[in-house]
Protein backbone atom coordinates (compact mmCIF):
# COMPACT_ATOMS: atom_id res chain seq x y z
CA MET A 1 -105.37 137.11 -19.11
CA PRO A 2 -103.91 133.77 -20.47
CA SER A 3 -100.58 132.58 -19.39
CA SER A 4 -99.53 132.21 -22.88
CA LEU A 5 -100.18 135.74 -24.05
CA GLN A 6 -97.63 136.93 -26.72
CA LEU A 7 -96.62 140.52 -26.19
CA SER A 8 -94.87 142.53 -28.77
CA GLU A 9 -94.13 145.98 -29.84
CA ALA A 10 -94.50 147.56 -33.31
CA SER A 11 -94.22 150.91 -34.94
CA ILE A 12 -97.07 151.88 -37.22
CA ARG A 13 -96.90 154.06 -40.11
CA GLN A 14 -100.71 155.41 -40.04
CA VAL A 15 -102.47 155.10 -36.80
CA LEU A 16 -105.70 156.77 -38.16
CA THR A 17 -107.73 154.77 -40.52
CA ARG A 18 -110.45 156.07 -42.59
CA THR A 19 -113.59 154.21 -41.78
CA SER A 20 -115.86 152.37 -44.17
CA GLY A 21 -119.01 150.31 -44.10
CA TYR A 22 -121.12 150.92 -40.77
CA LEU A 23 -118.38 152.46 -38.95
CA ALA A 24 -118.41 155.33 -41.47
CA THR A 25 -122.01 156.27 -40.24
CA ILE A 26 -120.55 156.99 -37.08
CA THR A 27 -116.88 158.39 -37.18
CA SER A 28 -114.46 159.47 -40.13
CA HIS A 29 -111.61 157.73 -38.61
CA SER A 30 -110.89 154.71 -36.36
CA LEU A 31 -107.74 154.49 -34.12
CA ASN A 32 -106.47 151.25 -32.62
CA PRO A 33 -103.31 151.71 -30.08
CA TYR A 34 -102.98 148.01 -30.04
CA ARG A 35 -103.46 145.04 -32.18
CA GLY A 36 -105.14 142.08 -30.47
CA CYS A 37 -106.45 141.97 -26.97
CA SER A 38 -105.43 140.58 -23.69
CA LEU A 39 -108.87 140.50 -22.68
CA GLY A 40 -109.99 138.27 -25.30
CA SER A 41 -109.96 135.01 -23.34
CA SER A 42 -112.45 136.43 -20.80
CA LEU A 43 -116.47 136.67 -21.12
CA CYS A 44 -116.21 139.69 -23.59
CA GLY A 45 -113.83 137.66 -26.01
CA VAL A 46 -116.48 135.10 -26.61
CA GLY A 47 -118.81 137.55 -28.31
CA CYS A 48 -116.08 139.85 -29.64
CA TYR A 49 -116.75 140.50 -33.45
CA VAL A 50 -113.15 141.24 -34.14
CA GLN A 51 -112.10 137.45 -33.62
CA HIS A 52 -113.85 136.98 -37.00
CA ASN A 53 -111.26 139.25 -38.84
CA PRO A 54 -108.43 137.31 -40.13
CA TRP A 55 -106.57 140.46 -41.17
CA LEU A 56 -106.12 141.29 -37.46
CA THR A 57 -105.78 138.10 -35.89
CA ARG A 58 -103.38 136.57 -38.65
CA GLY A 59 -104.20 133.25 -37.64
CA ASP A 60 -103.67 133.51 -33.89
CA ALA A 61 -106.32 132.69 -31.47
CA TRP A 62 -108.24 135.62 -30.13
CA GLY A 63 -106.87 136.56 -26.65
CA SER A 64 -103.49 135.02 -27.18
CA PHE A 65 -101.56 138.22 -28.27
CA LEU A 66 -101.32 141.93 -27.77
CA GLU A 67 -99.18 144.00 -29.93
CA ALA A 68 -98.57 147.54 -28.59
CA ARG A 69 -98.18 150.27 -31.19
CA THR A 70 -95.54 152.35 -29.30
CA ASN A 71 -95.42 155.20 -31.75
CA ALA A 72 -99.09 155.63 -31.92
CA ALA A 73 -99.01 159.25 -30.58
CA ASP A 74 -96.07 160.29 -32.97
CA SER A 75 -98.10 158.65 -35.80
CA TYR A 76 -101.19 160.82 -34.81
CA ARG A 77 -99.37 163.90 -34.56
CA ARG A 78 -97.77 163.54 -37.93
CA HIS A 79 -101.08 162.80 -39.67
CA ALA A 80 -103.88 164.30 -37.87
CA GLU A 81 -103.73 167.78 -39.60
CA ARG A 82 -103.89 166.15 -43.14
CA GLU A 83 -106.63 163.68 -42.09
CA ALA A 84 -108.71 166.51 -40.42
CA ARG A 85 -108.70 168.35 -43.70
CA TRP A 86 -109.77 165.29 -45.47
CA ALA A 87 -112.59 164.60 -43.04
CA ARG A 88 -113.95 168.01 -42.93
CA ARG A 89 -113.97 168.10 -46.64
CA HIS A 90 -115.39 164.57 -47.38
CA ARG A 91 -117.42 163.79 -44.13
CA ASP A 92 -119.07 166.11 -41.49
CA ALA A 93 -116.28 166.46 -39.14
CA PHE A 94 -112.92 164.84 -38.03
CA SER A 95 -114.15 162.31 -35.65
CA ILE A 96 -112.56 159.32 -34.16
CA PHE A 97 -113.65 156.07 -32.79
CA LEU A 98 -111.12 154.82 -30.46
CA ALA A 99 -110.78 151.72 -30.41
CA SER A 100 -112.94 149.70 -32.97
CA SER A 101 -110.98 146.44 -32.85
CA THR A 102 -109.04 146.36 -29.34
CA GLU A 103 -109.27 147.39 -25.76
CA PRO A 104 -107.78 150.68 -25.34
CA PHE A 105 -107.00 150.07 -21.47
CA PRO A 106 -105.78 146.39 -21.22
CA PRO A 107 -103.80 145.60 -18.11
CA GLN A 108 -100.56 146.25 -20.03
CA GLU A 109 -101.53 149.99 -20.57
CA ARG A 110 -99.90 150.58 -17.36
CA ARG A 111 -96.58 149.15 -18.80
CA TYR A 112 -96.93 150.78 -22.30
CA GLY A 113 -99.11 153.81 -21.93
CA VAL A 114 -100.01 153.87 -25.61
CA THR A 115 -103.46 155.04 -25.22
CA GLU A 116 -102.68 157.63 -22.61
CA SER A 117 -100.05 159.12 -24.93
CA VAL A 118 -102.51 159.19 -27.68
CA LEU A 119 -105.04 161.06 -25.67
CA GLU A 120 -102.42 163.64 -24.52
CA ALA A 121 -101.56 164.12 -28.28
CA MET A 122 -105.25 164.83 -28.97
CA LEU A 123 -105.18 167.64 -26.50
CA GLU A 124 -102.57 169.28 -28.62
CA GLN A 125 -104.42 168.60 -31.79
CA PRO A 126 -108.06 167.62 -30.82
CA PRO A 127 -110.39 165.99 -33.33
CA ASP A 128 -113.93 167.51 -33.72
CA GLU A 129 -115.42 164.31 -31.75
CA LEU A 130 -113.95 161.54 -30.07
CA VAL A 131 -115.95 158.36 -29.18
CA LEU A 132 -113.82 156.29 -26.58
CA GLN A 133 -115.06 152.70 -26.55
CA THR A 134 -113.75 150.52 -23.82
CA HIS A 135 -114.64 147.61 -21.69
CA SER A 136 -112.55 148.35 -18.80
CA PRO A 137 -113.18 150.49 -15.51
CA ALA A 138 -109.29 151.69 -16.01
CA VAL A 139 -110.77 154.26 -18.02
CA ALA A 140 -111.57 156.11 -14.77
CA ARG A 141 -107.98 156.43 -13.97
CA HIS A 142 -107.76 159.01 -16.67
CA LEU A 143 -110.60 161.13 -15.62
CA GLU A 144 -108.68 164.45 -15.27
CA LEU A 145 -107.31 163.85 -18.66
CA LEU A 146 -110.59 163.15 -20.25
CA GLN A 147 -112.12 166.37 -18.61
CA HIS A 148 -109.32 168.56 -20.28
CA LEU A 149 -110.11 166.66 -23.67
CA ALA A 150 -113.87 167.08 -23.30
CA GLN A 151 -113.13 170.88 -23.38
CA ARG A 152 -111.32 170.60 -26.70
CA CYS A 153 -113.76 168.24 -28.60
CA ARG A 154 -117.00 166.62 -28.33
CA LEU A 155 -116.25 163.44 -26.23
CA ARG A 156 -118.32 160.37 -25.66
CA VAL A 157 -117.02 157.48 -23.30
CA HIS A 158 -118.67 154.36 -24.25
CA LEU A 159 -118.42 151.73 -21.37
CA SER A 160 -119.14 148.04 -22.22
CA ILE A 161 -121.37 146.31 -19.79
CA GLU A 162 -123.15 143.29 -21.65
CA SER A 163 -124.67 141.67 -18.59
CA ASP A 164 -125.24 141.83 -14.91
CA HIS A 165 -124.55 138.31 -14.06
CA PRO A 166 -121.14 138.19 -12.31
CA ARG A 167 -120.65 134.68 -14.25
CA LEU A 168 -122.65 133.06 -16.91
CA PRO A 169 -122.36 129.10 -16.62
CA GLY A 170 -120.30 127.70 -19.42
CA LEU A 171 -118.52 130.85 -20.37
CA PRO A 172 -115.22 132.31 -18.95
CA PRO A 173 -115.57 134.97 -16.17
CA PRO A 174 -115.65 138.59 -17.17
CA ALA A 175 -112.44 140.62 -17.33
CA SER A 176 -113.78 142.83 -14.52
CA PRO A 177 -117.13 142.80 -12.56
CA PRO A 178 -120.00 144.44 -13.95
CA ALA A 179 -120.39 146.39 -10.59
CA ALA A 180 -116.64 147.81 -11.33
CA ARG A 181 -117.47 149.05 -14.70
CA PHE A 182 -120.85 150.65 -13.33
CA ARG A 183 -118.67 152.42 -10.70
CA ALA A 184 -116.39 153.82 -13.31
CA ALA A 185 -119.32 154.84 -15.37
CA ARG A 186 -120.87 156.91 -12.46
CA ALA A 187 -117.58 158.41 -11.58
CA LEU A 188 -117.22 159.73 -15.35
CA HIS A 189 -120.90 160.74 -15.46
CA ASP A 190 -120.73 162.67 -12.23
CA ALA A 191 -117.65 164.62 -13.20
CA GLY A 192 -119.60 165.73 -16.22
CA LEU A 193 -118.69 163.55 -18.93
CA THR A 194 -120.92 162.23 -21.56
CA VAL A 195 -121.23 158.38 -20.77
CA VAL A 196 -122.94 155.79 -22.86
CA ILE A 197 -123.30 152.14 -21.52
CA THR A 198 -122.87 149.60 -24.41
CA ALA A 199 -124.46 146.29 -23.79
CA ALA A 200 -122.57 144.72 -26.98
CA PRO A 201 -123.50 142.08 -27.51
CA LEU A 202 -126.41 142.10 -25.02
CA LEU A 203 -126.25 138.89 -22.91
CA PRO A 204 -128.77 137.52 -20.50
CA LEU A 205 -129.96 139.85 -17.55
CA GLN A 206 -130.80 138.50 -14.42
CA ASP A 207 -132.71 141.80 -13.19
CA PRO A 208 -133.30 144.03 -16.30
CA HIS A 209 -134.95 146.86 -14.33
CA ALA A 210 -132.32 147.04 -11.92
CA PHE A 211 -129.76 146.95 -14.60
CA PHE A 212 -131.24 149.72 -16.39
CA ALA A 213 -131.87 151.71 -13.34
CA GLN A 214 -128.03 151.60 -12.89
CA CYS A 215 -127.55 152.63 -16.51
CA ALA A 216 -129.72 155.69 -15.80
CA GLU A 217 -127.81 156.63 -12.74
CA SER A 218 -124.40 156.32 -14.51
CA ALA A 219 -124.90 157.18 -18.16
CA SER A 220 -126.82 159.30 -20.43
CA ALA A 221 -127.86 156.40 -22.69
CA VAL A 222 -127.58 152.73 -23.18
CA VAL A 223 -126.99 150.88 -26.63
CA LEU A 224 -128.48 147.32 -26.85
CA ASP A 225 -126.47 145.61 -29.76
CA HIS A 226 -127.41 141.98 -30.52
CA PHE A 227 -125.08 139.63 -32.27
CA ILE A 228 -127.57 139.04 -34.99
CA GLY A 229 -126.82 141.85 -37.37
CA GLY A 230 -124.06 143.29 -35.08
CA ASP A 231 -121.54 140.67 -35.80
CA GLY A 232 -121.02 141.76 -39.40
CA SER A 233 -123.37 138.96 -40.64
CA ALA A 234 -127.04 139.67 -41.26
CA THR A 235 -128.17 136.69 -39.22
CA GLY A 236 -125.35 136.24 -36.70
CA GLN A 237 -123.69 133.51 -38.67
CA ARG A 238 -120.26 134.18 -37.17
CA THR A 239 -121.44 134.11 -33.60
CA LEU A 240 -123.49 131.22 -34.21
CA ARG A 241 -120.40 129.16 -34.74
CA THR A 242 -119.11 129.92 -31.29
CA GLN A 243 -120.43 128.52 -27.82
CA LEU A 244 -122.04 131.97 -26.83
CA PRO A 245 -125.64 131.45 -28.44
CA ALA A 246 -126.04 127.95 -26.73
CA ALA A 247 -124.70 129.29 -23.20
CA MET A 248 -127.21 132.27 -23.67
CA GLU A 249 -129.92 129.84 -24.34
CA ALA A 250 -129.21 128.00 -21.31
CA VAL A 251 -129.37 130.91 -19.02
CA ARG A 252 -132.53 132.49 -20.56
CA PRO A 253 -134.15 130.79 -23.28
CA GLY A 254 -134.99 133.09 -26.32
CA SER A 255 -132.06 135.51 -25.62
CA SER A 256 -130.28 134.51 -28.71
CA GLN A 257 -133.12 135.78 -30.74
CA LEU A 258 -133.58 139.57 -31.77
CA ALA A 259 -136.99 139.54 -29.92
CA TYR A 260 -134.92 139.46 -26.64
CA ARG A 261 -133.29 142.73 -27.47
CA ASP A 262 -136.55 144.46 -28.26
CA GLU A 263 -138.03 143.18 -24.95
CA MET A 264 -134.94 144.53 -23.03
CA ALA A 265 -135.20 147.83 -25.09
CA GLU A 266 -138.98 148.22 -23.83
CA ILE A 267 -137.56 147.97 -20.25
CA ALA A 268 -134.69 150.24 -20.64
CA ARG A 269 -137.05 152.97 -22.17
CA GLN A 270 -138.94 153.09 -18.66
CA HIS A 271 -135.52 154.18 -17.31
CA LEU A 272 -134.07 156.05 -20.09
CA PRO A 273 -137.03 157.38 -22.22
CA THR A 274 -134.76 159.13 -24.81
CA GLY A 275 -131.62 157.52 -24.27
CA VAL A 276 -131.90 153.87 -25.77
CA GLY A 277 -130.09 152.87 -29.11
CA GLY A 278 -130.58 149.50 -30.78
CA ALA A 279 -128.70 150.14 -34.18
CA GLY A 280 -125.18 150.57 -33.09
CA PHE A 281 -122.86 153.25 -31.51
CA GLY A 282 -123.92 156.31 -33.12
CA GLY A 283 -126.06 159.11 -31.56
CA GLU A 284 -126.19 162.57 -30.31
CA TRP A 285 -126.56 162.01 -26.60
CA THR A 286 -125.73 164.37 -24.19
CA ARG A 287 -126.03 164.75 -20.42
């Protein structure tokens, strides 16, 4: 977390956003309890696609700001019923992606509790489906709450682990060690929750077989998302303007090309024969 992190609080009128584009193929809505991300100066921030969205960054460097939407739970309670009616009429179901453009469990969640309050509101007014996407092992602290929520809706916890390297030369350290995230995934998986490991974007792996064996022990599936086509530009143009591709090539030549994702997918299928996705975060995986 940078020392210059700017923290702020805000009230938001509508926390549920009807999805469009690629995300519309996954869920009817997205929900972001924060704007910005205090993990943005770590390894995941280098490859984070949200940094290329000027509407969200408003000219500020990614990782330099975090806005807590302190009334997010109240906004959800006010609008969930109406949005559910719309989703069931125009989409297959009332489904939510939490979160599409922020980390729902930043260190500051202990102070603000915005995500926890939203999950509690969902217990009262559950969606049909919830995809909870996080990069933090802190998600495991909410195990009991997630178990209750899984009884009210279809719940998938997506935990991002983009590499097994503890540190990639030339890049900032990860916000949390890969081992800590694997432990969190295993705890959720062993508790009966559907867990998906998201390598997004996929970075060089030092021991692919060991990595995917851990995925098989800790999750129902793994998603391999390459920055080419994944960052919102067909050729990965946005990410190519960052230092990430050069750093990837220095660690593992060829890893900045789509062929590397395909190579890793072949290995992944040896450990998860029916649980490998390469085209994003959709899927009907079960335990």
